[in-house]
Amino acid sequence: MNDYGMIIEPGTLRIQRLLPGPLERVWAYLTESDKRATWLATGEMTLQKGATVELVFCNSELAGEHENPPAKYKQYGGKVTNTGHITCIFPPRLLSFTWAEQGEGRPSEVTFELVEQGDNVLLTVIHRRLPNRDTMLNVAGGWHTHLDILRDRLQERPPRPFWATFTQMEDEYRAKL
């Protein structure tokens, strides 16, 4: 398994990470606001189908020190909020929710699947209904970076800087996808 995401059908990206377990620990990093804030976004979510999901991103702060975004992402230098609704949940193995970007039409949908593999957990993220190539590149680079930071956190290593990593990953995905 390599760390790069792949297009599995038009408008759908799949990316995987093998993470240190146990399963319940990885689930907590997906569903508990304080833990999720260390690698993705803060925000409460009630773990039931139909419940609202609020994700408040502070990507510039994920490495512990403020990092300025590149000029083209300047508007994402502070807090950015996305909302959605849980569409499917089977704790601690599956979580799906809609992902509404401001200015986008129909929301996309993100699914997290967790499978135990010995002492590790295979996390599969599937992001569906991505409307175009630019969005696909942004999402691929974003998930790649966020999941690398999650792995850093779970391995108790200092997290890599978000924006420097994201910019590199976006360039790599531009060549791969």
Protein backbone atom coordinates (compact mmCIF):
# COMPACT_ATOMS: atom_id res chain seq x y z
CA MET A 1 0.00 0.00 0.00
CA ASN A 2 1.33 3.44 -0.85
CA ASP A 3 0.16 6.64 0.81
CA TYR A 4 -1.19 8.29 -2.34
CA GLY A 5 -4.89 8.60 -2.99
CA MET A 6 -6.39 7.27 -6.18
CA ILE A 7 -9.46 7.96 -8.25
CA ILE A 8 -11.68 4.89 -7.99
CA GLU A 9 -14.50 6.23 -10.17
CA PRO A 10 -15.30 9.64 -11.66
CA GLY A 11 -15.51 12.21 -8.86
CA THR A 12 -14.38 9.77 -6.14
CA LEU A 13 -11.05 9.68 -4.33
CA ARG A 14 -9.85 6.88 -2.01
CA ILE A 15 -6.85 7.28 0.29
CA GLN A 16 -5.62 4.90 2.99
CA ARG A 17 -3.30 4.92 5.97
CA LEU A 18 -2.12 2.11 8.22
CA LEU A 19 -2.21 3.62 11.69
CA PRO A 20 -1.16 2.41 15.13
CA GLY A 21 -4.19 1.05 16.99
CA PRO A 22 -6.17 0.07 18.78
CA LEU A 23 -9.35 0.59 16.78
CA GLU A 24 -11.09 2.57 19.53
CA ARG A 25 -8.20 5.03 19.70
CA VAL A 26 -8.35 5.77 15.97
CA TRP A 27 -12.16 6.07 16.17
CA ALA A 28 -11.75 8.63 18.96
CA TYR A 29 -9.44 10.71 16.73
CA LEU A 30 -12.20 10.75 14.09
CA THR A 31 -15.14 11.50 16.34
CA GLU A 32 -13.97 13.44 19.43
CA SER A 33 -13.56 17.15 18.80
CA ASP A 34 -10.46 17.68 20.95
CA LYS A 35 -8.59 14.78 19.33
CA ARG A 36 -9.81 15.56 15.78
CA ALA A 37 -8.65 19.17 16.25
CA THR A 38 -5.04 17.95 16.45
CA TRP A 39 -5.04 16.68 12.85
CA LEU A 40 -8.15 17.86 10.96
CA ALA A 41 -10.75 20.17 12.52
CA THR A 42 -12.53 20.80 15.77
CA GLY A 43 -16.33 20.73 16.07
CA GLU A 44 -18.92 18.70 17.85
CA MET A 45 -20.79 15.86 16.21
CA THR A 46 -23.52 13.75 17.70
CA LEU A 47 -22.86 10.19 16.62
CA GLN A 48 -26.21 9.34 15.08
CA LYS A 49 -27.56 9.26 11.56
CA GLY A 50 -28.92 12.64 10.47
CA ALA A 51 -27.00 14.60 13.12
CA THR A 52 -25.18 17.78 12.12
CA VAL A 53 -21.42 17.71 11.65
CA GLU A 54 -19.53 20.97 12.06
CA LEU A 55 -15.85 21.03 11.14
CA VAL A 56 -13.90 24.14 12.12
CA PHE A 57 -10.52 24.06 10.38
CA CYS A 58 -7.46 25.91 11.68
CA ASN A 59 -4.89 24.45 9.28
CA SER A 60 -2.36 27.18 10.04
CA GLU A 61 -2.18 25.97 13.67
CA LEU A 62 -2.02 22.16 13.21
CA ALA A 63 1.76 21.94 13.70
CA GLY A 64 1.58 23.82 17.00
CA GLU A 65 3.00 27.08 15.66
CA HIS A 66 1.29 29.50 13.31
CA GLU A 67 2.12 28.87 9.66
CA ASN A 68 1.02 31.28 6.95
CA PRO A 69 -0.74 29.72 3.96
CA PRO A 70 0.49 30.26 0.40
CA ALA A 71 -0.96 33.36 -1.28
CA LYS A 72 -3.57 31.40 -3.27
CA TYR A 73 -4.94 29.95 0.01
CA LYS A 74 -4.75 33.17 2.03
CA GLN A 75 -8.50 33.07 2.72
CA TYR A 76 -7.93 29.76 4.58
CA GLY A 77 -5.35 31.19 6.99
CA GLY A 78 -7.85 31.57 9.83
CA LYS A 79 -10.82 29.49 10.88
CA VAL A 80 -12.86 27.88 8.12
CA THR A 81 -16.14 26.10 8.90
CA ASN A 82 -17.78 23.31 6.90
CA THR A 83 -21.04 21.66 7.87
CA GLY A 84 -22.76 18.47 6.92
CA HIS A 85 -24.90 15.63 8.22
CA ILE A 86 -24.08 12.08 9.21
CA THR A 87 -25.40 9.72 6.54
CA CYS A 88 -24.18 6.41 7.97
CA ILE A 89 -22.56 5.34 11.24
CA PHE A 90 -21.49 1.98 12.66
CA PRO A 91 -19.17 2.70 15.63
CA PRO A 92 -16.25 2.10 15.74
CA ARG A 93 -15.88 0.96 12.13
CA LEU A 94 -17.68 3.33 9.75
CA LEU A 95 -18.62 7.00 9.64
CA SER A 96 -20.02 8.88 6.62
CA PHE A 97 -21.16 12.47 6.39
CA THR A 98 -21.87 15.13 3.81
CA TRP A 99 -19.31 17.88 3.31
CA ALA A 100 -20.69 21.24 2.20
CA GLU A 101 -18.08 23.68 0.89
CA GLN A 102 -19.17 27.30 0.73
CA GLY A 103 -19.95 28.28 -2.84
CA GLU A 104 -20.27 24.66 -3.99
CA GLY A 105 -23.53 23.15 -5.19
CA ARG A 106 -24.42 19.64 -4.08
CA PRO A 107 -22.34 18.59 -1.05
CA SER A 108 -19.72 15.89 -1.36
CA GLU A 109 -19.65 12.91 1.00
CA VAL A 110 -16.78 11.53 3.08
CA THR A 111 -16.64 7.96 4.42
CA PHE A 112 -14.15 6.68 6.98
CA GLU A 113 -13.79 2.90 7.21
CA LEU A 114 -11.64 1.32 9.93
CA VAL A 115 -10.38 -2.28 9.78
CA GLU A 116 -8.13 -3.86 12.39
CA GLN A 117 -4.91 -5.37 11.07
CA GLY A 118 -3.08 -6.87 14.03
CA ASP A 119 -2.05 -4.02 16.33
CA ASN A 120 -2.74 -1.51 13.56
CA VAL A 121 -5.84 -0.04 11.95
CA LEU A 122 -6.30 0.42 8.22
CA LEU A 123 -8.14 3.72 7.75
CA THR A 124 -9.76 4.16 4.34
CA VAL A 125 -11.14 7.59 3.45
CA ILE A 126 -13.45 7.77 0.44
CA HIS A 127 -14.49 11.25 -0.71
CA ARG A 128 -17.35 11.16 -3.25
CA ARG A 129 -19.09 13.67 -5.51
CA LEU A 130 -16.06 15.83 -6.23
CA PRO A 131 -17.23 18.07 -9.08
CA ASN A 132 -14.03 18.74 -11.06
CA ARG A 133 -10.27 18.22 -11.37
CA ASP A 134 -9.32 21.31 -9.34
CA THR A 135 -11.47 20.14 -6.45
CA MET A 136 -10.05 16.62 -6.77
CA LEU A 137 -6.47 17.96 -6.57
CA ASN A 138 -7.29 20.14 -3.57
CA VAL A 139 -9.07 17.30 -1.76
CA ALA A 140 -6.33 14.75 -2.54
CA GLY A 141 -3.59 17.05 -1.27
CA GLY A 142 -5.67 17.97 1.76
CA TRP A 143 -6.50 14.41 2.81
CA HIS A 144 -2.93 13.28 2.18
CA THR A 145 -1.61 16.03 4.45
CA HIS A 146 -4.25 15.66 7.17
CA LEU A 147 -3.80 11.88 7.31
CA ASP A 148 -0.02 12.25 7.55
CA ILE A 149 -0.54 14.61 10.49
CA LEU A 150 -2.94 12.07 12.06
CA ARG A 151 -0.28 9.38 11.72
CA ASP A 152 2.28 11.74 13.29
CA ARG A 153 -0.06 12.34 16.23
CA LEU A 154 -0.85 8.64 16.72
CA GLN A 155 2.87 7.80 16.58
CA GLU A 156 3.49 10.60 19.12
CA ARG A 157 5.79 12.47 16.74
CA PRO A 158 5.75 16.23 16.16
CA PRO A 159 3.28 16.96 13.35
CA ARG A 160 4.60 18.13 10.03
CA PRO A 161 3.67 21.70 8.93
CA PHE A 162 0.33 21.70 7.14
CA TRP A 163 0.78 24.31 4.41
CA ALA A 164 4.29 23.30 3.32
CA THR A 165 3.21 19.66 3.12
CA PHE A 166 -0.11 20.46 1.44
CA THR A 167 1.56 22.57 -1.27
CA GLN A 168 4.02 19.77 -2.04
CA MET A 169 1.24 17.14 -2.11
CA GLU A 170 -1.00 19.25 -4.34
CA ASP A 171 1.87 19.54 -6.84
CA GLU A 172 2.52 15.79 -6.69
CA TYR A 173 -1.17 15.00 -7.21
CA ARG A 174 -1.29 17.38 -10.17
CA ALA A 175 1.24 15.05 -11.84
CA LYS A 176 -0.43 11.81 -10.65
CA LEU A 177 -4.17 12.35 -11.14
